[in-house]
Amino acid sequence: MNNKTIAILSYVTIIGWVVAYAKSKDHTPKSDLVVYHLKQGLGFFILSVIINIMLSVIALMIPGLAVLGYLGYALLIIWIFGIINAVNEQKKPIPVVGKMFEDKFAFLD
């Protein structure tokens, strides 16, 4: 797999991220592009899980706030921007939350 494919794969579910991580270990010089998108993809996955759990709890406790479920569409749009950045081979953070993940996950370096 080339670096672009691995970078794209890092956004496609957690299974795709694990496959991308395993494939990135095979490459001997590590690609900055792949490492960057692995960090962005893992951070986005963790953030998505946390937000979805919080929204589920809020919707159960206060049914009137179930409309917050539309926040999932915002996550979908952010996810698409991450994939577009990987396709264009750009090391740009995903909108709104991507800067948080740039210096995290040191085990990927």
C-alpha atoms as a PDB file:
ATOM      1  CA  MET A   1       0.000   0.000   0.000  1.00  0.00           C
ATOM      2  CA  ASN A   2       1.220   3.475  -0.709  1.00  0.00           C
ATOM      3  CA  ASN A   3       1.212   6.304   1.832  1.00  0.00           C
ATOM      4  CA  LYS A   4      -1.860   7.999   0.391  1.00  0.00           C
ATOM      5  CA  THR A   5      -3.946   4.834   0.706  1.00  0.00           C
ATOM      6  CA  ILE A   6      -2.799   4.251   4.272  1.00  0.00           C
ATOM      7  CA  ALA A   7      -3.616   7.874   5.182  1.00  0.00           C
ATOM      8  CA  ILE A   8      -7.131   7.507   3.766  1.00  0.00           C
ATOM      9  CA  LEU A   9      -7.619   4.153   5.485  1.00  0.00           C
ATOM     10  CA  SER A  10      -6.810   5.719   8.859  1.00  0.00           C
ATOM     11  CA  TYR A  11     -10.210   7.469   8.793  1.00  0.00           C
ATOM     12  CA  VAL A  12     -12.313   4.442   7.821  1.00  0.00           C
ATOM     13  CA  THR A  13     -13.599   2.987  11.131  1.00  0.00           C
ATOM     14  CA  ILE A  14     -11.376   1.736  13.921  1.00  0.00           C
ATOM     15  CA  ILE A  15     -10.672  -1.459  11.984  1.00  0.00           C
ATOM     16  CA  GLY A  16      -9.370   0.614   9.072  1.00  0.00           C
ATOM     17  CA  TRP A  17      -7.249   2.585  11.510  1.00  0.00           C
ATOM     18  CA  VAL A  18      -5.728  -0.614  12.940  1.00  0.00           C
ATOM     19  CA  VAL A  19      -4.944  -1.895   9.423  1.00  0.00           C
ATOM     20  CA  ALA A  20      -3.395   1.478   8.504  1.00  0.00           C
ATOM     21  CA  TYR A  21      -1.338   1.414  11.704  1.00  0.00           C
ATOM     22  CA  ALA A  22      -0.100  -2.110  10.976  1.00  0.00           C
ATOM     23  CA  LYS A  23       0.779  -1.198   7.384  1.00  0.00           C
ATOM     24  CA  SER A  24       2.580   1.964   8.494  1.00  0.00           C
ATOM     25  CA  LYS A  25       4.818  -0.172  10.712  1.00  0.00           C
ATOM     26  CA  ASP A  26       5.981  -2.047   7.591  1.00  0.00           C
ATOM     27  CA  HIS A  27       7.250   1.131   5.908  1.00  0.00           C
ATOM     28  CA  THR A  28      10.829   1.972   6.750  1.00  0.00           C
ATOM     29  CA  PRO A  29      11.167   5.436   6.684  1.00  0.00           C
ATOM     30  CA  LYS A  30       8.006   6.472   8.413  1.00  0.00           C
ATOM     31  CA  SER A  31       5.908   8.801   6.366  1.00  0.00           C
ATOM     32  CA  ASP A  32       5.028  12.073   8.078  1.00  0.00           C
ATOM     33  CA  LEU A  33       1.779  12.135   6.105  1.00  0.00           C
ATOM     34  CA  VAL A  34       0.711   8.711   7.379  1.00  0.00           C
ATOM     35  CA  VAL A  35       1.649   9.449  10.993  1.00  0.00           C
ATOM     36  CA  TYR A  36      -0.215  12.763  10.853  1.00  0.00           C
ATOM     37  CA  HIS A  37      -3.415  11.194   9.545  1.00  0.00           C
ATOM     38  CA  LEU A  38      -3.153   8.269  11.963  1.00  0.00           C
ATOM     39  CA  LYS A  39      -3.139  10.806  14.801  1.00  0.00           C
ATOM     40  CA  GLN A  40      -6.037  12.741  13.304  1.00  0.00           C
ATOM     41  CA  GLY A  41      -8.033   9.564  12.637  1.00  0.00           C
ATOM     42  CA  LEU A  42      -7.528   8.099  16.114  1.00  0.00           C
ATOM     43  CA  GLY A  43      -8.318  11.400  17.789  1.00  0.00           C
ATOM     44  CA  PHE A  44     -11.458  11.820  15.719  1.00  0.00           C
ATOM     45  CA  PHE A  45     -12.606   8.268  16.508  1.00  0.00           C
ATOM     46  CA  ILE A  46     -12.132   8.766  20.253  1.00  0.00           C
ATOM     47  CA  LEU A  47     -13.886  12.139  20.136  1.00  0.00           C
ATOM     48  CA  SER A  48     -16.798  10.673  18.157  1.00  0.00           C
ATOM     49  CA  VAL A  49     -17.298   7.859  20.645  1.00  0.00           C
ATOM     50  CA  ILE A  50     -17.236  10.280  23.593  1.00  0.00           C
ATOM     51  CA  ILE A  51     -19.674  12.692  21.939  1.00  0.00           C
ATOM     52  CA  ASN A  52     -22.061   9.900  20.954  1.00  0.00           C
ATOM     53  CA  ILE A  53     -22.068   8.447  24.469  1.00  0.00           C
ATOM     54  CA  MET A  54     -22.680  11.884  25.983  1.00  0.00           C
ATOM     55  CA  LEU A  55     -25.504  12.616  23.552  1.00  0.00           C
ATOM     56  CA  SER A  56     -27.127   9.250  24.261  1.00  0.00           C
ATOM     57  CA  VAL A  57     -27.040   9.864  28.003  1.00  0.00           C
ATOM     58  CA  ILE A  58     -28.391  13.403  27.598  1.00  0.00           C
ATOM     59  CA  ALA A  59     -31.189  12.203  25.312  1.00  0.00           C
ATOM     60  CA  LEU A  60     -32.182   9.518  27.828  1.00  0.00           C
ATOM     61  CA  MET A  61     -32.192  11.934  30.751  1.00  0.00           C
ATOM     62  CA  ILE A  62     -33.818  14.874  28.968  1.00  0.00           C
ATOM     63  CA  PRO A  63     -35.854  13.663  25.986  1.00  0.00           C
ATOM     64  CA  GLY A  64     -36.469  17.238  24.838  1.00  0.00           C
ATOM     65  CA  LEU A  65     -32.785  17.540  24.004  1.00  0.00           C
ATOM     66  CA  ALA A  66     -32.837  14.580  21.618  1.00  0.00           C
ATOM     67  CA  VAL A  67     -32.536  17.168  18.849  1.00  0.00           C
ATOM     68  CA  LEU A  68     -28.833  17.320  19.783  1.00  0.00           C
ATOM     69  CA  GLY A  69     -28.557  14.067  17.841  1.00  0.00           C
ATOM     70  CA  TYR A  70     -28.141  16.215  14.755  1.00  0.00           C
ATOM     71  CA  LEU A  71     -24.641  16.924  16.036  1.00  0.00           C
ATOM     72  CA  GLY A  72     -23.795  13.587  14.409  1.00  0.00           C
ATOM     73  CA  TYR A  73     -24.142  15.275  11.038  1.00  0.00           C
ATOM     74  CA  ALA A  74     -21.481  17.782  12.051  1.00  0.00           C
ATOM     75  CA  LEU A  75     -19.185  14.869  12.926  1.00  0.00           C
ATOM     76  CA  LEU A  76     -19.874  13.348   9.516  1.00  0.00           C
ATOM     77  CA  ILE A  77     -18.871  16.585   7.784  1.00  0.00           C
ATOM     78  CA  ILE A  78     -15.683  16.853   9.858  1.00  0.00           C
ATOM     79  CA  TRP A  79     -14.862  13.213   9.011  1.00  0.00           C
ATOM     80  CA  ILE A  80     -15.294  13.948   5.294  1.00  0.00           C
ATOM     81  CA  PHE A  81     -12.883  16.886   5.567  1.00  0.00           C
ATOM     82  CA  GLY A  82     -10.306  14.551   7.126  1.00  0.00           C
ATOM     83  CA  ILE A  83     -10.639  12.098   4.253  1.00  0.00           C
ATOM     84  CA  ILE A  84     -10.387  14.923   1.700  1.00  0.00           C
ATOM     85  CA  ASN A  85      -7.157  16.115   3.335  1.00  0.00           C
ATOM     86  CA  ALA A  86      -5.752  12.579   3.162  1.00  0.00           C
ATOM     87  CA  VAL A  87      -6.772  12.198  -0.502  1.00  0.00           C
ATOM     88  CA  ASN A  88      -5.060  15.492  -1.350  1.00  0.00           C
ATOM     89  CA  GLU A  89      -2.004  14.406   0.666  1.00  0.00           C
ATOM     90  CA  GLN A  90      -2.214  17.512   2.846  1.00  0.00           C
ATOM     91  CA  LYS A  91      -1.162  17.650   6.473  1.00  0.00           C
ATOM     92  CA  LYS A  92      -4.025  19.913   7.514  1.00  0.00           C
ATOM     93  CA  PRO A  93      -5.922  19.361  10.759  1.00  0.00           C
ATOM     94  CA  ILE A  94      -9.554  18.412  10.558  1.00  0.00           C
ATOM     95  CA  PRO A  95     -11.797  21.428  11.188  1.00  0.00           C
ATOM     96  CA  VAL A  96     -12.619  22.575  14.718  1.00  0.00           C
ATOM     97  CA  VAL A  97     -10.916  19.755  16.660  1.00  0.00           C
ATOM     98  CA  GLY A  98      -7.889  18.677  14.618  1.00  0.00           C
ATOM     99  CA  LYS A  99      -5.380  20.959  16.380  1.00  0.00           C
ATOM    100  CA  MET A 100      -5.992  19.031  19.617  1.00  0.00           C
ATOM    101  CA  PHE A 101      -4.637  15.817  18.112  1.00  0.00           C
ATOM    102  CA  GLU A 102      -1.446  17.098  16.459  1.00  0.00           C
ATOM    103  CA  ASP A 103       0.773  16.668  19.523  1.00  0.00           C
ATOM    104  CA  LYS A 104      -1.029  13.692  21.070  1.00  0.00           C
ATOM    105  CA  PHE A 105      -0.495   9.950  20.586  1.00  0.00           C
ATOM    106  CA  ALA A 106       3.304   9.931  20.806  1.00  0.00           C
ATOM    107  CA  PHE A 107       3.378   6.153  20.309  1.00  0.00           C
ATOM    108  CA  LEU A 108       2.685   6.765  16.619  1.00  0.00           C
ATOM    109  CA  ASP A 109       5.902   8.738  16.054  1.00  0.00           C
END
